[in-house]
Amino acid sequence: MMNEEKRKHFRVDSLHLLNYVYTDDSSEEAMQGMGRTLNISETGILLETHTPPISVGSIVSLTIGFEEDVVDIKGRVIYTNEGKNDMYESGIEFFDINAEAKAVLGKYINAFNAQ
């Protein structure tokens, strides 16, 4: 039986450094650090970090650099896994993305797909 792809948007492999800030239920900063993207789509990323996320459902503010462009995006942790080499992976679904950030993401994904 073949495994069906359930994602609405194609993900591209991506290794970009980013800054993240997790907030708790009271919107107070709970943790911040650096991580990297493992893959990215128009609606989310797979984030790799040295520390585990707060929990599924946590809100995270991301600052991601794409060559000369930097975007700020908010998302929600939808799942977490223990990755390789004592790293952690978190699936982040974007929920607050402005038009400029969406355009940068689209440009980056289109350029990657054209290669």
Protein backbone atom coordinates (compact mmCIF):
# COMPACT_ATOMS: atom_id res chain seq x y z
CA MET A 1 0.00 0.00 0.00
CA MET A 2 1.45 3.38 -0.99
CA ASN A 3 1.78 6.16 1.55
CA GLU A 4 -0.29 9.16 0.43
CA GLU A 5 1.13 12.66 0.75
CA LYS A 6 -1.21 14.64 3.00
CA ARG A 7 0.52 18.02 2.79
CA LYS A 8 -1.19 20.76 0.81
CA HIS A 9 2.08 22.44 -0.17
CA PHE A 10 5.29 20.92 -1.50
CA ARG A 11 8.23 21.10 0.93
CA VAL A 12 11.77 21.76 -0.20
CA ASP A 13 14.89 20.65 1.65
CA SER A 14 16.40 23.73 3.20
CA LEU A 15 19.28 24.46 5.56
CA HIS A 16 18.89 28.02 6.80
CA LEU A 17 19.86 29.31 10.21
CA LEU A 18 17.17 31.05 12.17
CA ASN A 19 16.42 32.62 15.52
CA TYR A 20 13.41 31.34 17.44
CA VAL A 21 11.50 32.53 20.51
CA TYR A 22 8.93 30.25 22.18
CA THR A 23 6.22 31.89 24.24
CA ASP A 24 4.15 30.29 26.97
CA ASP A 25 0.38 30.46 27.53
CA SER A 26 0.67 33.96 29.03
CA SER A 27 2.58 35.20 25.94
CA GLU A 28 5.74 35.58 28.03
CA GLU A 29 9.05 34.55 26.49
CA ALA A 30 9.76 31.01 27.65
CA MET A 31 12.83 30.08 25.59
CA GLN A 32 14.91 31.42 22.73
CA GLY A 33 17.78 30.12 20.67
CA MET A 34 19.20 29.36 17.26
CA GLY A 35 18.18 26.51 15.02
CA ARG A 36 18.02 25.60 11.37
CA THR A 37 15.38 24.65 8.89
CA LEU A 38 15.44 21.10 7.53
CA ASN A 39 12.66 21.73 5.04
CA ILE A 40 10.22 24.51 4.29
CA SER A 41 6.93 25.13 2.49
CA GLU A 42 4.56 28.05 2.12
CA THR A 43 2.75 26.94 5.27
CA GLY A 44 5.45 25.63 7.61
CA ILE A 45 8.93 24.38 8.39
CA LEU A 46 10.71 21.49 10.02
CA LEU A 47 12.91 23.14 12.67
CA GLU A 48 16.02 21.46 14.11
CA THR A 49 17.29 22.64 17.52
CA HIS A 50 19.68 21.56 20.26
CA THR A 51 16.94 21.89 22.88
CA PRO A 52 13.46 20.37 22.98
CA PRO A 53 10.53 22.69 22.31
CA ILE A 54 8.29 23.74 25.18
CA SER A 55 5.38 21.55 23.99
CA VAL A 56 3.07 20.83 21.09
CA GLY A 57 0.82 23.85 20.65
CA SER A 58 3.51 26.32 21.73
CA ILE A 59 3.72 29.57 19.79
CA VAL A 60 7.06 30.36 18.20
CA SER A 61 8.35 33.54 16.55
CA LEU A 62 10.89 32.82 13.82
CA THR A 63 13.40 35.08 12.10
CA ILE A 64 14.70 33.30 9.00
CA GLY A 65 17.38 34.49 6.58
CA PHE A 66 17.05 33.64 2.88
CA GLU A 67 20.20 34.98 1.21
CA GLU A 68 19.71 38.77 1.35
CA ASP A 69 16.12 38.58 2.70
CA VAL A 70 15.12 38.18 6.35
CA VAL A 71 11.54 37.32 7.31
CA ASP A 72 9.69 37.26 10.63
CA ILE A 73 6.96 34.64 10.90
CA LYS A 74 4.86 33.26 13.76
CA GLY A 75 3.88 29.64 13.95
CA ARG A 76 2.60 26.87 16.18
CA VAL A 77 4.39 23.63 17.09
CA ILE A 78 2.27 20.82 15.66
CA TYR A 79 4.60 17.90 16.44
CA THR A 80 8.04 17.14 17.87
CA ASN A 81 10.50 14.28 17.45
CA GLU A 82 13.86 13.42 18.88
CA GLY A 83 16.20 13.72 15.90
CA LYS A 84 19.71 12.48 15.19
CA ASN A 85 22.84 13.38 17.18
CA ASP A 86 20.99 14.68 20.27
CA MET A 87 18.99 17.16 18.19
CA TYR A 88 15.25 17.81 18.23
CA GLU A 89 12.88 18.33 15.31
CA SER A 90 9.69 20.36 15.47
CA GLY A 91 7.04 20.72 12.80
CA ILE A 92 5.97 24.37 12.80
CA GLU A 93 2.79 25.50 11.05
CA PHE A 94 2.74 29.19 10.13
CA PHE A 95 -0.30 31.17 11.24
CA ASP A 96 0.81 34.80 11.16
CA ILE A 97 2.64 35.58 7.94
CA ASN A 98 2.49 38.98 6.26
CA ALA A 99 2.42 39.54 2.50
CA GLU A 100 6.11 40.47 2.32
CA ALA A 101 7.25 37.33 4.15
CA LYS A 102 4.92 35.21 2.01
CA ALA A 103 6.43 36.74 -1.15
CA VAL A 104 10.00 35.99 0.05
CA LEU A 105 9.04 32.39 0.86
CA GLY A 106 7.37 31.98 -2.53
CA LYS A 107 10.38 33.43 -4.34
CA TYR A 108 12.76 31.12 -2.47
CA ILE A 109 10.64 27.99 -3.06
CA ASN A 110 10.16 28.82 -6.76
CA ALA A 111 13.91 29.40 -7.23
CA PHE A 112 14.68 26.09 -5.51
CA ASN A 113 12.18 24.21 -7.69
CA ALA A 114 13.64 25.76 -10.85
CA GLN A 115 17.07 24.21 -10.12
